[in-house]
Amino acid sequence: MQTEPMKADPILQEIWDIKDRLAAEAGYDVNRFVQQLREWSAKHPHDGPVVRNAEELRQLVAAKERQRAGQPTAAINEEPPKPEQSE
């Protein structure tokens, strides 16, 4: 029984392609790559939250969901309607 070769995940394939392009741009020199990375980072500062692990990501998502939940999409009347009085 022959097995078919596993197809690469398109996202992983894109990451590998980017890695290969960046390595080629740095002439496959790690020191040059790191220098280019530092220069790029200085030109493009990060202004959003920094997530260091899965737990921080869970907390960030939970906080955003709580924030979204605090913004009502429909008005809720706290008091039930009063019955009409007949004359």
C-alpha atoms as a PDB file:
ATOM      1  CA  MET A   1       0.000   0.000   0.000  1.00  0.00           C
ATOM      2  CA  GLN A   2       1.439   3.335  -1.063  1.00  0.00           C
ATOM      3  CA  THR A   3       0.797   6.428   0.960  1.00  0.00           C
ATOM      4  CA  GLU A   4       0.470   9.781  -0.695  1.00  0.00           C
ATOM      5  CA  PRO A   5       2.897  12.507   0.323  1.00  0.00           C
ATOM      6  CA  MET A   6       1.490  14.824   2.913  1.00  0.00           C
ATOM      7  CA  LYS A   7       0.404  18.186   1.545  1.00  0.00           C
ATOM      8  CA  ALA A   8       1.886  21.185   3.297  1.00  0.00           C
ATOM      9  CA  ASP A   9      -0.474  23.439   5.182  1.00  0.00           C
ATOM     10  CA  PRO A  10      -0.799  26.670   3.146  1.00  0.00           C
ATOM     11  CA  ILE A  11      -0.020  28.809   6.198  1.00  0.00           C
ATOM     12  CA  LEU A  12       3.115  26.808   6.984  1.00  0.00           C
ATOM     13  CA  GLN A  13       4.137  26.968   3.337  1.00  0.00           C
ATOM     14  CA  GLU A  14       3.813  30.753   3.395  1.00  0.00           C
ATOM     15  CA  ILE A  15       5.909  30.963   6.580  1.00  0.00           C
ATOM     16  CA  TRP A  16       8.611  28.787   5.002  1.00  0.00           C
ATOM     17  CA  ASP A  17       8.597  30.960   1.864  1.00  0.00           C
ATOM     18  CA  ILE A  18       8.966  34.134   3.931  1.00  0.00           C
ATOM     19  CA  LYS A  19      11.758  32.544   5.981  1.00  0.00           C
ATOM     20  CA  ASP A  20      13.595  31.582   2.791  1.00  0.00           C
ATOM     21  CA  ARG A  21      13.158  35.086   1.324  1.00  0.00           C
ATOM     22  CA  LEU A  22      14.418  36.810   4.485  1.00  0.00           C
ATOM     23  CA  ALA A  23      17.388  34.439   4.708  1.00  0.00           C
ATOM     24  CA  ALA A  24      18.288  35.137   1.085  1.00  0.00           C
ATOM     25  CA  GLU A  25      18.007  38.919   1.648  1.00  0.00           C
ATOM     26  CA  ALA A  26      20.502  38.591   4.502  1.00  0.00           C
ATOM     27  CA  GLY A  27      22.840  36.476   2.398  1.00  0.00           C
ATOM     28  CA  TYR A  28      22.145  33.526   4.757  1.00  0.00           C
ATOM     29  CA  ASP A  29      24.165  35.404   7.426  1.00  0.00           C
ATOM     30  CA  VAL A  30      22.513  35.247  10.870  1.00  0.00           C
ATOM     31  CA  ASN A  31      24.271  38.377  12.145  1.00  0.00           C
ATOM     32  CA  ARG A  32      23.186  40.356   9.096  1.00  0.00           C
ATOM     33  CA  PHE A  33      19.632  39.023   9.470  1.00  0.00           C
ATOM     34  CA  VAL A  34      19.481  40.133  13.123  1.00  0.00           C
ATOM     35  CA  GLN A  35      20.809  43.578  12.184  1.00  0.00           C
ATOM     36  CA  GLN A  36      18.161  43.925   9.471  1.00  0.00           C
ATOM     37  CA  LEU A  37      15.506  42.804  11.966  1.00  0.00           C
ATOM     38  CA  ARG A  38      16.635  45.437  14.484  1.00  0.00           C
ATOM     39  CA  GLU A  39      16.545  48.145  11.812  1.00  0.00           C
ATOM     40  CA  TRP A  40      13.061  47.109  10.710  1.00  0.00           C
ATOM     41  CA  SER A  41      11.844  47.015  14.324  1.00  0.00           C
ATOM     42  CA  ALA A  42      13.166  50.534  14.956  1.00  0.00           C
ATOM     43  CA  LYS A  43      11.272  51.826  11.900  1.00  0.00           C
ATOM     44  CA  HIS A  44       8.057  49.961  12.817  1.00  0.00           C
ATOM     45  CA  PRO A  45       7.490  50.246  16.587  1.00  0.00           C
ATOM     46  CA  HIS A  46       4.833  48.000  18.086  1.00  0.00           C
ATOM     47  CA  ASP A  47       2.058  49.918  19.826  1.00  0.00           C
ATOM     48  CA  GLY A  48      -0.336  47.102  20.696  1.00  0.00           C
ATOM     49  CA  PRO A  49      -0.406  44.654  23.575  1.00  0.00           C
ATOM     50  CA  VAL A  50       2.425  42.151  23.839  1.00  0.00           C
ATOM     51  CA  VAL A  51       1.331  38.547  24.355  1.00  0.00           C
ATOM     52  CA  ARG A  52       4.077  36.309  25.726  1.00  0.00           C
ATOM     53  CA  ASN A  53       2.183  33.045  26.220  1.00  0.00           C
ATOM     54  CA  ALA A  54      -1.154  31.285  25.815  1.00  0.00           C
ATOM     55  CA  GLU A  55      -2.437  32.394  29.224  1.00  0.00           C
ATOM     56  CA  GLU A  56      -1.838  36.071  28.403  1.00  0.00           C
ATOM     57  CA  LEU A  57      -3.651  35.548  25.104  1.00  0.00           C
ATOM     58  CA  ARG A  58      -6.625  33.978  26.930  1.00  0.00           C
ATOM     59  CA  GLN A  59      -6.707  36.937  29.329  1.00  0.00           C
ATOM     60  CA  LEU A  60      -6.561  39.460  26.485  1.00  0.00           C
ATOM     61  CA  VAL A  61      -9.395  37.724  24.609  1.00  0.00           C
ATOM     62  CA  ALA A  62     -11.489  37.481  27.802  1.00  0.00           C
ATOM     63  CA  ALA A  63     -10.970  41.193  28.515  1.00  0.00           C
ATOM     64  CA  LYS A  64     -12.038  42.115  24.976  1.00  0.00           C
ATOM     65  CA  GLU A  65     -15.124  39.892  25.288  1.00  0.00           C
ATOM     66  CA  ARG A  66     -16.014  41.530  28.616  1.00  0.00           C
ATOM     67  CA  GLN A  67     -15.553  44.947  27.029  1.00  0.00           C
ATOM     68  CA  ARG A  68     -17.770  43.948  24.108  1.00  0.00           C
ATOM     69  CA  ALA A  69     -20.365  42.538  26.518  1.00  0.00           C
ATOM     70  CA  GLY A  70     -20.437  45.896  28.309  1.00  0.00           C
ATOM     71  CA  GLN A  71     -21.605  47.589  25.122  1.00  0.00           C
ATOM     72  CA  PRO A  72     -25.308  46.731  24.819  1.00  0.00           C
ATOM     73  CA  THR A  73     -26.650  45.867  21.408  1.00  0.00           C
ATOM     74  CA  ALA A  74     -30.260  46.251  22.573  1.00  0.00           C
ATOM     75  CA  ALA A  75     -31.871  48.291  25.316  1.00  0.00           C
ATOM     76  CA  ILE A  76     -33.321  46.287  28.178  1.00  0.00           C
ATOM     77  CA  ASN A  77     -36.134  47.738  30.234  1.00  0.00           C
ATOM     78  CA  GLU A  78     -35.463  46.890  33.876  1.00  0.00           C
ATOM     79  CA  GLU A  79     -39.076  47.333  34.956  1.00  0.00           C
ATOM     80  CA  PRO A  80     -41.896  45.207  33.572  1.00  0.00           C
ATOM     81  CA  PRO A  81     -44.718  47.079  31.862  1.00  0.00           C
ATOM     82  CA  LYS A  82     -47.482  48.256  34.178  1.00  0.00           C
ATOM     83  CA  PRO A  83     -50.890  46.692  33.591  1.00  0.00           C
ATOM     84  CA  GLU A  84     -53.456  48.975  32.026  1.00  0.00           C
ATOM     85  CA  GLN A  85     -56.200  50.077  34.387  1.00  0.00           C
ATOM     86  CA  SER A  86     -59.729  49.696  33.154  1.00  0.00           C
ATOM     87  CA  GLU A  87     -62.277  52.360  33.949  1.00  0.00           C
END
